[in-house]
């Protein structure tokens, strides 16, 4: 039996992020068994087709912000998708939502603290 590729591991991890929650690139990579590969995870996500059913929009940067430039079409698309799930996103891209927790085995969800 063939081992899953790194991308397949990432897609599987991404599919586990619940609606209305977010995860940072690095945490997603760690969840996929690929710790320390946050930038790689971001590049891999950028290769997804526009019509993907994977919840790419739930992935944000470690600063709890959308990584796209505010006001850009990509920023607006991600913001709209997050808001459709009940997530609050401020004009500068700060996301106020539960994070898919650091302790993945116990499904520990931690609340993000609004600070802007």
C-alpha atoms as a PDB file:
ATOM      1  CA  UNK A   1       0.000   0.000   0.000  1.00  0.00           C
ATOM      2  CA  UNK A   2       1.389   3.384  -0.995  1.00  0.00           C
ATOM      3  CA  UNK A   3       2.040   5.981   1.672  1.00  0.00           C
ATOM      4  CA  UNK A   4       0.018   9.190   1.322  1.00  0.00           C
ATOM      5  CA  UNK A   5       1.886  12.135  -0.138  1.00  0.00           C
ATOM      6  CA  UNK A   6       2.552  15.230   1.950  1.00  0.00           C
ATOM      7  CA  UNK A   7      -0.207  17.023   0.048  1.00  0.00           C
ATOM      8  CA  UNK A   8      -2.682  14.219   0.746  1.00  0.00           C
ATOM      9  CA  UNK A   9      -1.823  14.428   4.447  1.00  0.00           C
ATOM     10  CA  UNK A  10      -2.384  18.186   4.339  1.00  0.00           C
ATOM     11  CA  UNK A  11      -5.748  17.850   2.566  1.00  0.00           C
ATOM     12  CA  UNK A  12      -6.890  15.261   5.111  1.00  0.00           C
ATOM     13  CA  UNK A  13      -5.888  17.528   8.009  1.00  0.00           C
ATOM     14  CA  UNK A  14      -7.638  20.497   6.365  1.00  0.00           C
ATOM     15  CA  UNK A  15     -10.835  18.494   5.981  1.00  0.00           C
ATOM     16  CA  UNK A  16     -10.909  18.043   9.780  1.00  0.00           C
ATOM     17  CA  UNK A  17     -11.111  21.771  10.611  1.00  0.00           C
ATOM     18  CA  UNK A  18     -14.704  22.368  11.724  1.00  0.00           C
ATOM     19  CA  UNK A  19     -17.017  24.979  10.257  1.00  0.00           C
ATOM     20  CA  UNK A  20     -16.710  28.278  12.129  1.00  0.00           C
ATOM     21  CA  UNK A  21     -13.170  27.518  13.340  1.00  0.00           C
ATOM     22  CA  UNK A  22      -9.793  28.537  11.965  1.00  0.00           C
ATOM     23  CA  UNK A  23      -6.293  27.088  12.019  1.00  0.00           C
ATOM     24  CA  UNK A  24      -2.892  28.650  11.363  1.00  0.00           C
ATOM     25  CA  UNK A  25      -0.717  27.371   8.538  1.00  0.00           C
ATOM     26  CA  UNK A  26       1.845  25.938  10.969  1.00  0.00           C
ATOM     27  CA  UNK A  27      -0.774  24.221  13.094  1.00  0.00           C
ATOM     28  CA  UNK A  28      -2.298  22.697   9.965  1.00  0.00           C
ATOM     29  CA  UNK A  29       1.091  21.381   8.890  1.00  0.00           C
ATOM     30  CA  UNK A  30       1.635  19.907  12.360  1.00  0.00           C
ATOM     31  CA  UNK A  31      -1.809  18.308  12.317  1.00  0.00           C
ATOM     32  CA  UNK A  32      -0.833  16.709   9.010  1.00  0.00           C
ATOM     33  CA  UNK A  33       2.320  15.283  10.613  1.00  0.00           C
ATOM     34  CA  UNK A  34       4.540  17.853   8.904  1.00  0.00           C
ATOM     35  CA  UNK A  35       5.710  20.153  11.725  1.00  0.00           C
ATOM     36  CA  UNK A  36       7.731  23.210  10.793  1.00  0.00           C
ATOM     37  CA  UNK A  37       6.309  23.415   7.289  1.00  0.00           C
ATOM     38  CA  UNK A  38       3.936  26.378   7.576  1.00  0.00           C
ATOM     39  CA  UNK A  39       5.226  28.109   4.442  1.00  0.00           C
ATOM     40  CA  UNK A  40       5.069  24.899   2.472  1.00  0.00           C
ATOM     41  CA  UNK A  41       1.459  24.444   3.641  1.00  0.00           C
ATOM     42  CA  UNK A  42       0.614  27.927   2.350  1.00  0.00           C
ATOM     43  CA  UNK A  43       2.177  27.191  -1.024  1.00  0.00           C
ATOM     44  CA  UNK A  44       0.367  23.842  -1.223  1.00  0.00           C
ATOM     45  CA  UNK A  45      -2.968  25.499  -0.443  1.00  0.00           C
ATOM     46  CA  UNK A  46      -2.368  28.006  -3.232  1.00  0.00           C
ATOM     47  CA  UNK A  47      -2.386  25.130  -5.728  1.00  0.00           C
ATOM     48  CA  UNK A  48      -5.944  24.077  -4.909  1.00  0.00           C
ATOM     49  CA  UNK A  49      -8.393  24.604  -7.764  1.00  0.00           C
ATOM     50  CA  UNK A  50     -10.805  27.531  -7.388  1.00  0.00           C
ATOM     51  CA  UNK A  51     -13.765  25.165  -7.115  1.00  0.00           C
ATOM     52  CA  UNK A  52     -12.278  22.943  -4.395  1.00  0.00           C
ATOM     53  CA  UNK A  53     -14.606  21.690  -1.689  1.00  0.00           C
ATOM     54  CA  UNK A  54     -11.786  21.727   0.875  1.00  0.00           C
ATOM     55  CA  UNK A  55     -12.210  24.523   3.444  1.00  0.00           C
ATOM     56  CA  UNK A  56      -9.031  26.440   2.509  1.00  0.00           C
ATOM     57  CA  UNK A  57     -10.615  29.641   3.809  1.00  0.00           C
ATOM     58  CA  UNK A  58     -10.330  28.365   7.405  1.00  0.00           C
ATOM     59  CA  UNK A  59      -6.535  28.656   7.273  1.00  0.00           C
ATOM     60  CA  UNK A  60      -5.084  31.944   8.483  1.00  0.00           C
ATOM     61  CA  UNK A  61      -1.679  33.186   9.601  1.00  0.00           C
ATOM     62  CA  UNK A  62      -0.274  32.843  13.108  1.00  0.00           C
ATOM     63  CA  UNK A  63      -1.237  36.448  13.852  1.00  0.00           C
ATOM     64  CA  UNK A  64      -4.923  35.468  13.517  1.00  0.00           C
ATOM     65  CA  UNK A  65      -5.231  37.413  10.243  1.00  0.00           C
ATOM     66  CA  UNK A  66      -6.115  36.620   6.660  1.00  0.00           C
ATOM     67  CA  UNK A  67      -2.819  36.513   4.779  1.00  0.00           C
ATOM     68  CA  UNK A  68      -4.069  38.159   1.587  1.00  0.00           C
ATOM     69  CA  UNK A  69      -3.738  41.932   1.183  1.00  0.00           C
ATOM     70  CA  UNK A  70      -6.799  43.678   2.658  1.00  0.00           C
ATOM     71  CA  UNK A  71      -9.220  44.687  -0.065  1.00  0.00           C
ATOM     72  CA  UNK A  72      -7.785  42.293  -2.654  1.00  0.00           C
ATOM     73  CA  UNK A  73     -10.204  39.924  -4.430  1.00  0.00           C
ATOM     74  CA  UNK A  74      -8.666  36.918  -2.622  1.00  0.00           C
ATOM     75  CA  UNK A  75      -8.990  38.697   0.745  1.00  0.00           C
ATOM     76  CA  UNK A  76     -12.634  39.517   0.092  1.00  0.00           C
ATOM     77  CA  UNK A  77     -13.392  35.953  -1.008  1.00  0.00           C
ATOM     78  CA  UNK A  78     -11.841  34.437   2.138  1.00  0.00           C
ATOM     79  CA  UNK A  79     -13.523  37.037   4.363  1.00  0.00           C
ATOM     80  CA  UNK A  80     -16.900  36.326   2.776  1.00  0.00           C
ATOM     81  CA  UNK A  81     -16.509  32.559   3.207  1.00  0.00           C
ATOM     82  CA  UNK A  82     -15.509  32.929   6.872  1.00  0.00           C
ATOM     83  CA  UNK A  83     -18.352  35.341   7.601  1.00  0.00           C
ATOM     84  CA  UNK A  84     -20.813  32.901   6.005  1.00  0.00           C
ATOM     85  CA  UNK A  85     -19.748  30.456   8.737  1.00  0.00           C
ATOM     86  CA  UNK A  86     -20.375  32.989  11.493  1.00  0.00           C
ATOM     87  CA  UNK A  87     -16.750  34.099  11.868  1.00  0.00           C
ATOM     88  CA  UNK A  88     -16.128  37.802  12.507  1.00  0.00           C
ATOM     89  CA  UNK A  89     -13.412  39.384  10.373  1.00  0.00           C
ATOM     90  CA  UNK A  90     -12.390  43.007  10.913  1.00  0.00           C
ATOM     91  CA  UNK A  91     -11.519  45.319   8.023  1.00  0.00           C
ATOM     92  CA  UNK A  92      -7.800  44.693   8.450  1.00  0.00           C
ATOM     93  CA  UNK A  93      -8.273  40.922   8.265  1.00  0.00           C
ATOM     94  CA  UNK A  94      -8.137  40.124  11.979  1.00  0.00           C
ATOM     95  CA  UNK A  95     -10.153  36.957  12.563  1.00  0.00           C
ATOM     96  CA  UNK A  96     -12.211  36.449  15.709  1.00  0.00           C
ATOM     97  CA  UNK A  97     -13.061  32.763  15.849  1.00  0.00           C
ATOM     98  CA  UNK A  98     -12.277  29.654  17.839  1.00  0.00           C
ATOM     99  CA  UNK A  99      -8.973  28.171  16.764  1.00  0.00           C
ATOM    100  CA  UNK A 100      -8.740  24.499  15.998  1.00  0.00           C
ATOM    101  CA  UNK A 101      -6.775  23.751  19.174  1.00  0.00           C
ATOM    102  CA  UNK A 102      -3.133  23.055  19.751  1.00  0.00           C
ATOM    103  CA  UNK A 103      -3.930  19.703  21.389  1.00  0.00           C
ATOM    104  CA  UNK A 104      -5.366  17.847  18.442  1.00  0.00           C
ATOM    105  CA  UNK A 105      -5.891  14.577  20.275  1.00  0.00           C
ATOM    106  CA  UNK A 106      -8.327  16.047  22.796  1.00  0.00           C
ATOM    107  CA  UNK A 107      -9.902  18.467  20.305  1.00  0.00           C
ATOM    108  CA  UNK A 108      -9.092  21.394  22.584  1.00  0.00           C
ATOM    109  CA  UNK A 109     -10.667  24.447  20.975  1.00  0.00           C
ATOM    110  CA  UNK A 110      -9.341  27.754  22.266  1.00  0.00           C
ATOM    111  CA  UNK A 111     -11.116  31.073  21.822  1.00  0.00           C
ATOM    112  CA  UNK A 112      -9.223  33.790  20.035  1.00  0.00           C
ATOM    113  CA  UNK A 113      -9.041  37.038  21.970  1.00  0.00           C
ATOM    114  CA  UNK A 114     -10.043  40.141  20.007  1.00  0.00           C
ATOM    115  CA  UNK A 115      -7.352  42.776  20.435  1.00  0.00           C
ATOM    116  CA  UNK A 116      -7.961  45.389  17.761  1.00  0.00           C
END
